[in-house]
């Protein structure tokens, strides 16, 4: 970032104040008359601006009325630290303010713990608030049709603040009309992703304290159940965990840059002398979920012909000729 691009407005200097400050820095200081002449300000406005810079600690003032610049490496650092303390105080106030908001919503609006919401705007607002409010865990069951792009920036932001994100994807999520997300992106941001052949609902749950569940799977319906009711949350948690336990995990983030297969040495073909590559793990997971070859090829960013060649290499590695046999052999080697 260049000097001219430093956003001094972040420490309270508007464009005019910044221009005057930079001018004073270039000359080591100046008077109200100097500022008036150089920037076309009235005398009163020039004095007020100089006093504002003085009170910010950026200028010192002599009894003669001259203002001298203070080393910005110290003065600006002090301003930044002051702003950080102010922001920390605001952050600390979010808890009590949030409690006031919740109390007002319960008493005034009378919103029930479980309610139906519909419409892209209302559902979208609830979805984003749910993800932003998560402090330790987000769980999801994802399947098309998608109202929101799966695996978007919200999950990445959640992972950065230490939230564990676990999502089970239906095989149809990998179809061209299902979502189109790249295979590697599912886990490249720290998300834990698994895949199953099908899912009965779409679910998003934060901290096991609030959840959204689809009430319709039609492409034109957004009807969603929002709940904070403990019995429903317990049931939804059990539903998610059952699908999570039975789903095939997707490896990452190297799935888009697969390692070259390493053949087994002569001897017992069932002897697991190496770990599977990320590509092999993901192929086996998608096989188990029943994802079609052309959909897998799109996720790997290769042609169907290239993918089938890699599949044949995997079959040869596992000593089989089909998906079922690959699954059996992989399980025998503890690859899945």
Protein backbone atom coordinates (compact mmCIF):
# COMPACT_ATOMS: atom_id res chain seq x y z
CA UNK A 1 0.00 0.00 0.00
CA UNK A 2 1.39 3.39 -0.93
CA UNK A 3 1.48 6.39 1.38
CA UNK A 4 -1.31 8.03 -0.60
CA UNK A 5 -3.51 4.98 -0.08
CA UNK A 6 -3.19 4.81 3.71
CA UNK A 7 -6.81 5.08 4.98
CA UNK A 8 -6.35 7.78 7.59
CA UNK A 9 -10.11 8.16 7.72
CA UNK A 10 -10.03 5.02 9.86
CA UNK A 11 -8.50 7.11 12.66
CA UNK A 12 -10.91 9.99 12.23
CA UNK A 13 -9.34 12.15 9.51
CA UNK A 14 -11.69 13.14 6.70
CA UNK A 15 -10.33 14.01 3.25
CA UNK A 16 -9.77 17.69 4.07
CA UNK A 17 -8.10 17.01 7.41
CA UNK A 18 -5.86 14.40 5.81
CA UNK A 19 -4.83 16.77 3.01
CA UNK A 20 -3.97 19.50 5.52
CA UNK A 21 -2.10 17.04 7.72
CA UNK A 22 -0.03 15.75 4.82
CA UNK A 23 0.74 19.33 3.79
CA UNK A 24 1.91 20.17 7.28
CA UNK A 25 4.03 17.00 7.38
CA UNK A 26 5.74 18.06 4.17
CA UNK A 27 6.68 21.43 5.70
CA UNK A 28 7.18 20.41 9.32
CA UNK A 29 4.19 22.45 10.46
CA UNK A 30 2.52 25.81 9.81
CA UNK A 31 0.02 28.40 10.97
CA UNK A 32 -3.68 28.99 10.40
CA UNK A 33 -2.72 31.62 7.79
CA UNK A 34 -0.59 29.02 5.97
CA UNK A 35 -3.50 26.55 5.89
CA UNK A 36 -5.90 29.26 4.75
CA UNK A 37 -3.62 30.25 1.89
CA UNK A 38 -2.76 26.72 0.81
CA UNK A 39 -6.20 25.13 1.02
CA UNK A 40 -8.65 28.00 0.56
CA UNK A 41 -10.23 27.56 3.99
CA UNK A 42 -11.64 30.39 6.06
CA UNK A 43 -9.59 31.44 9.08
CA UNK A 44 -12.10 29.98 11.54
CA UNK A 45 -12.25 26.67 9.67
CA UNK A 46 -8.44 26.49 9.49
CA UNK A 47 -8.08 27.12 13.23
CA UNK A 48 -10.75 24.53 14.06
CA UNK A 49 -9.08 21.92 11.85
CA UNK A 50 -5.65 22.59 13.33
CA UNK A 51 -7.05 22.31 16.83
CA UNK A 52 -8.66 18.98 15.91
CA UNK A 53 -5.31 17.69 14.69
CA UNK A 54 -3.70 19.04 17.85
CA UNK A 55 -6.21 17.28 20.13
CA UNK A 56 -5.65 14.07 18.15
CA UNK A 57 -1.97 14.26 19.08
CA UNK A 58 -0.79 14.75 15.50
CA UNK A 59 0.37 18.36 16.06
CA UNK A 60 1.94 20.31 18.89
CA UNK A 61 1.07 24.01 19.37
CA UNK A 62 3.41 26.86 20.24
CA UNK A 63 2.36 29.98 22.09
CA UNK A 64 3.10 31.92 18.89
CA UNK A 65 0.21 30.13 17.14
CA UNK A 66 2.44 27.91 15.06
CA UNK A 67 1.65 24.19 14.88
CA UNK A 68 4.45 21.64 14.59
CA UNK A 69 4.02 18.07 13.38
CA UNK A 70 4.65 15.15 15.73
CA UNK A 71 6.46 12.06 14.42
CA UNK A 72 3.60 10.08 12.82
CA UNK A 73 5.23 6.79 13.75
CA UNK A 74 4.35 7.61 17.34
CA UNK A 75 1.31 9.86 16.90
CA UNK A 76 -0.60 7.58 14.52
CA UNK A 77 0.24 4.49 16.56
CA UNK A 78 -1.31 6.17 19.59
CA UNK A 79 -4.43 7.01 17.56
CA UNK A 80 -4.71 3.42 16.33
CA UNK A 81 -4.37 2.07 19.87
CA UNK A 82 -7.04 4.48 21.06
CA UNK A 83 -9.37 3.36 18.27
CA UNK A 84 -8.67 -0.29 19.14
CA UNK A 85 -9.69 0.35 22.74
CA UNK A 86 -12.91 1.99 21.55
CA UNK A 87 -13.69 -0.93 19.24
CA UNK A 88 -12.96 -3.41 22.03
CA UNK A 89 -15.42 -1.58 24.26
CA UNK A 90 -18.05 -1.79 21.52
CA UNK A 91 -17.33 -5.51 21.06
CA UNK A 92 -17.73 -6.05 24.81
CA UNK A 93 -21.08 -4.29 24.67
CA UNK A 94 -22.49 -6.64 22.03
CA UNK A 95 -23.38 -9.27 24.63
CA UNK A 96 -25.62 -7.03 26.78
CA UNK A 97 -27.05 -5.32 23.69
CA UNK A 98 -27.80 -8.71 22.13
CA UNK A 99 -29.57 -9.77 25.31
CA UNK A 100 -31.74 -6.64 25.10
CA UNK A 101 -32.52 -7.47 21.47
CA UNK A 102 -33.51 -11.05 22.34
CA UNK A 103 -35.63 -9.95 25.27
CA UNK A 104 -37.44 -7.35 23.17
CA UNK A 105 -38.04 -9.90 20.43
CA UNK A 106 -39.52 -12.38 22.88
CA UNK A 107 -41.68 -9.92 24.81
CA UNK A 108 -42.73 -7.42 22.15
CA UNK A 109 -42.74 -9.35 18.92
CA UNK A 110 -43.79 -12.52 20.64
CA UNK A 111 -41.87 -14.71 18.20
CA UNK A 112 -42.25 -18.38 19.10
CA UNK A 113 -39.27 -20.66 19.61
CA UNK A 114 -40.41 -22.55 16.51
CA UNK A 115 -41.91 -20.84 13.49
CA UNK A 116 -42.22 -21.08 9.74
CA UNK A 117 -40.45 -18.55 7.54
CA UNK A 118 -40.65 -18.17 3.78
CA UNK A 119 -39.46 -15.93 1.00
CA UNK A 120 -35.85 -15.61 -0.19
CA UNK A 121 -35.22 -12.39 1.76
CA UNK A 122 -36.49 -13.59 5.14
CA UNK A 123 -34.98 -17.06 4.79
CA UNK A 124 -31.68 -15.57 3.62
CA UNK A 125 -31.54 -13.13 6.54
CA UNK A 126 -32.19 -15.95 9.01
CA UNK A 127 -29.60 -18.19 7.33
CA UNK A 128 -26.88 -15.54 7.50
CA UNK A 129 -27.66 -14.60 11.10
CA UNK A 130 -27.57 -18.27 12.09
CA UNK A 131 -24.10 -18.75 10.60
CA UNK A 132 -22.74 -15.50 11.99
CA UNK A 133 -24.01 -16.32 15.49
CA UNK A 134 -22.29 -19.73 15.66
CA UNK A 135 -19.49 -19.82 18.23
CA UNK A 136 -18.29 -23.42 18.14
CA UNK A 137 -20.16 -25.59 15.63
CA UNK A 138 -22.17 -25.51 12.40
CA UNK A 139 -23.77 -28.73 11.14
CA UNK A 140 -25.51 -29.11 7.81
CA UNK A 141 -27.30 -31.52 5.49
CA UNK A 142 -26.99 -30.13 1.96
CA UNK A 143 -28.88 -31.17 -1.14
CA UNK A 144 -30.36 -29.39 -4.17
CA UNK A 145 -32.22 -27.30 -5.01
CA UNK A 146 -29.96 -24.74 -3.35
CA UNK A 147 -31.35 -21.37 -2.33
CA UNK A 148 -27.82 -20.22 -1.47
CA UNK A 149 -24.51 -21.20 -3.04
CA UNK A 150 -23.16 -24.08 -0.94
CA UNK A 151 -19.90 -23.72 0.90
CA UNK A 152 -19.81 -19.95 0.56
CA UNK A 153 -17.78 -17.31 2.41
CA UNK A 154 -19.88 -17.70 5.56
CA UNK A 155 -18.38 -21.11 6.28
CA UNK A 156 -14.87 -19.83 5.59
CA UNK A 157 -15.40 -16.94 8.01
CA UNK A 158 -16.77 -19.32 10.64
CA UNK A 159 -13.73 -21.61 10.35
CA UNK A 160 -11.40 -18.61 10.73
CA UNK A 161 -12.99 -17.73 14.07
CA UNK A 162 -12.61 -21.31 15.33
CA UNK A 163 -16.03 -22.77 14.49
CA UNK A 164 -16.10 -26.43 13.45
CA UNK A 165 -18.11 -26.78 10.22
CA UNK A 166 -19.43 -30.23 9.26
CA UNK A 167 -21.59 -30.78 6.18
CA UNK A 168 -23.05 -33.93 4.68
CA UNK A 169 -23.72 -33.55 0.93
CA UNK A 170 -26.19 -35.58 -1.09
CA UNK A 171 -24.74 -37.10 -4.26
CA UNK A 172 -27.01 -34.83 -6.33
CA UNK A 173 -25.08 -31.83 -4.96
CA UNK A 174 -22.33 -32.73 -7.42
CA UNK A 175 -24.58 -32.75 -10.47
CA UNK A 176 -24.32 -29.82 -12.84
CA UNK A 177 -27.68 -28.46 -11.66
CA UNK A 178 -27.07 -29.34 -8.04
CA UNK A 179 -24.53 -26.77 -7.03
CA UNK A 180 -21.45 -26.99 -9.19
CA UNK A 181 -18.99 -26.49 -6.35
CA UNK A 182 -15.49 -27.81 -7.00
CA UNK A 183 -14.57 -30.91 -5.05
CA UNK A 184 -11.46 -29.43 -3.46
CA UNK A 185 -13.27 -26.30 -2.28
CA UNK A 186 -15.44 -28.34 0.07
CA UNK A 187 -12.56 -28.89 2.43
CA UNK A 188 -9.93 -26.34 1.37
CA UNK A 189 -11.32 -23.78 3.84
CA UNK A 190 -11.34 -26.17 6.78
CA UNK A 191 -14.84 -27.52 6.32
CA UNK A 192 -15.31 -31.22 7.10
CA UNK A 193 -17.32 -32.69 4.24
CA UNK A 194 -18.92 -36.08 3.71
CA UNK A 195 -21.20 -37.47 1.02
CA UNK A 196 -24.17 -39.86 0.95
CA UNK A 197 -26.41 -41.08 -1.84
CA UNK A 198 -29.43 -39.02 -0.77
CA UNK A 199 -30.85 -36.83 1.99
CA UNK A 200 -34.51 -36.30 2.98
CA UNK A 201 -34.17 -32.66 4.09
CA UNK A 202 -31.91 -29.63 4.04
CA UNK A 203 -30.64 -28.63 7.49
CA UNK A 204 -28.44 -25.93 8.99
CA UNK A 205 -27.82 -25.92 12.75
CA UNK A 206 -25.64 -23.59 14.85
CA UNK A 207 -24.25 -24.57 18.26
CA UNK A 208 -27.12 -27.05 18.61
CA UNK A 209 -29.17 -24.10 19.86
CA UNK A 210 -30.94 -23.01 16.66
CA UNK A 211 -31.69 -24.71 13.37
CA UNK A 212 -33.34 -24.25 9.99
CA UNK A 213 -34.99 -27.20 8.21
CA UNK A 214 -36.52 -27.24 4.75
CA UNK A 215 -40.27 -27.85 4.65
CA UNK A 216 -40.33 -28.35 0.90
CA UNK A 217 -37.84 -29.62 -1.65
CA UNK A 218 -39.56 -28.00 -4.61
CA UNK A 219 -37.45 -25.62 -6.73
CA UNK A 220 -39.94 -22.77 -6.26
CA UNK A 221 -40.53 -23.07 -2.52
CA UNK A 222 -38.51 -21.48 0.28
CA UNK A 223 -40.69 -22.59 3.20
CA UNK A 224 -38.38 -23.29 6.15
CA UNK A 225 -38.86 -24.26 9.77
CA UNK A 226 -36.77 -22.25 12.24
CA UNK A 227 -36.53 -23.65 15.75
CA UNK A 228 -34.84 -23.04 19.07
CA UNK A 229 -36.95 -25.68 20.84
CA UNK A 230 -34.68 -28.11 22.75
CA UNK A 231 -36.67 -31.30 21.92
CA UNK A 232 -36.61 -30.55 18.19
CA UNK A 233 -32.94 -29.60 18.31
CA UNK A 234 -32.12 -32.87 20.05
CA UNK A 235 -33.95 -34.80 17.33
CA UNK A 236 -32.26 -32.84 14.55
CA UNK A 237 -28.87 -33.37 16.17
CA UNK A 238 -29.46 -37.12 16.24
CA UNK A 239 -30.60 -37.04 12.59
CA UNK A 240 -27.46 -35.19 11.55
CA UNK A 241 -25.13 -37.45 13.53
CA UNK A 242 -26.69 -40.57 12.02
CA UNK A 243 -26.09 -39.31 8.50
CA UNK A 244 -22.61 -38.07 9.43
CA UNK A 245 -21.63 -41.46 10.83
CA UNK A 246 -22.81 -43.28 7.70
CA UNK A 247 -21.40 -40.84 5.12
CA UNK A 248 -18.17 -41.23 3.19
CA UNK A 249 -15.58 -38.55 4.05
CA UNK A 250 -14.09 -36.32 1.37
CA UNK A 251 -10.35 -35.67 1.62
CA UNK A 252 -8.66 -32.34 1.04
CA UNK A 253 -7.43 -29.83 0.29
CA UNK A 254 -5.26 -31.65 -2.23
CA UNK A 255 -8.07 -33.35 -4.10
CA UNK A 256 -7.64 -31.08 -7.10
CA UNK A 257 -3.93 -31.85 -7.32
CA UNK A 258 -3.83 -35.65 -6.96
CA UNK A 259 -0.64 -37.47 -6.22
CA UNK A 260 0.62 -40.07 -8.65
CA UNK A 261 -0.55 -43.57 -7.68
CA UNK A 262 2.11 -45.73 -6.04
CA UNK A 263 1.71 -49.44 -6.95
CA UNK A 264 1.99 -52.13 -4.32
CA UNK A 265 5.13 -54.22 -4.33
CA UNK A 266 4.90 -57.89 -5.15
CA UNK A 267 3.47 -59.92 -2.32
CA UNK A 268 0.20 -59.92 -0.49
CA UNK A 269 -2.07 -57.43 -2.33
CA UNK A 270 -4.05 -56.90 0.84
CA UNK A 271 -1.04 -55.62 2.76
CA UNK A 272 -1.64 -51.85 3.32
CA UNK A 273 1.87 -50.54 2.71
CA UNK A 274 0.77 -46.97 2.04
CA UNK A 275 -2.04 -44.53 2.66
CA UNK A 276 -4.44 -43.64 -0.18
CA UNK A 277 -3.99 -40.35 -1.99
CA UNK A 278 -6.60 -37.62 -1.61
CA UNK A 279 -7.84 -38.40 -5.11
CA UNK A 280 -8.29 -42.08 -4.25
CA UNK A 281 -10.16 -41.23 -1.04
CA UNK A 282 -12.51 -38.88 -2.87
CA UNK A 283 -13.13 -41.30 -5.72
CA UNK A 284 -14.07 -44.01 -3.22
CA UNK A 285 -16.32 -41.62 -1.27
CA UNK A 286 -18.14 -40.51 -4.41
CA UNK A 287 -18.41 -44.11 -5.63
CA UNK A 288 -20.07 -45.06 -2.35
CA UNK A 289 -22.57 -42.21 -2.72
CA UNK A 290 -23.42 -43.21 -6.27
CA UNK A 291 -22.18 -40.01 -7.95
CA UNK A 292 -21.98 -40.45 -11.72
CA UNK A 293 -18.69 -40.36 -13.61
CA UNK A 294 -19.44 -37.15 -15.52
CA UNK A 295 -20.32 -35.34 -12.25
CA UNK A 296 -17.10 -36.57 -10.61
CA UNK A 297 -15.11 -35.42 -13.64
CA UNK A 298 -16.53 -31.89 -13.28
CA UNK A 299 -15.49 -31.76 -9.65
CA UNK A 300 -11.96 -32.90 -10.47
CA UNK A 301 -11.75 -30.47 -13.38
CA UNK A 302 -10.89 -33.19 -15.92
CA UNK A 303 -12.59 -34.79 -18.90
CA UNK A 304 -14.72 -37.88 -18.42
CA UNK A 305 -12.20 -39.82 -20.48
CA UNK A 306 -9.33 -38.76 -18.20
CA UNK A 307 -11.36 -39.59 -15.12
CA UNK A 308 -12.18 -43.07 -16.41
CA UNK A 309 -8.49 -43.69 -17.02
CA UNK A 310 -7.80 -42.72 -13.38
CA UNK A 311 -10.64 -44.97 -12.23
CA UNK A 312 -9.10 -47.88 -14.14
CA UNK A 313 -5.78 -47.14 -12.43
CA UNK A 314 -7.56 -47.31 -9.07
CA UNK A 315 -9.28 -50.58 -10.00
CA UNK A 316 -5.91 -52.04 -10.99
CA UNK A 317 -4.40 -50.83 -7.72
CA UNK A 318 -7.19 -52.50 -5.76
CA UNK A 319 -7.32 -55.66 -7.88
CA UNK A 320 -10.92 -55.22 -9.03
CA UNK A 321 -12.96 -54.25 -12.08
CA UNK A 322 -15.95 -52.36 -10.63
CA UNK A 323 -17.08 -49.89 -7.97
CA UNK A 324 -18.42 -52.53 -5.61
CA UNK A 325 -15.19 -54.46 -5.68
CA UNK A 326 -13.23 -51.25 -5.16
CA UNK A 327 -15.26 -50.52 -2.05
CA UNK A 328 -14.66 -54.00 -0.63
CA UNK A 329 -10.92 -53.87 -1.35
CA UNK A 330 -10.62 -50.35 0.04
CA UNK A 331 -12.39 -51.38 3.25
CA UNK A 332 -10.03 -54.34 3.60
CA UNK A 333 -7.10 -51.93 3.42
CA UNK A 334 -8.73 -49.45 5.82
CA UNK A 335 -8.87 -46.83 3.08
CA UNK A 336 -12.48 -45.99 3.89
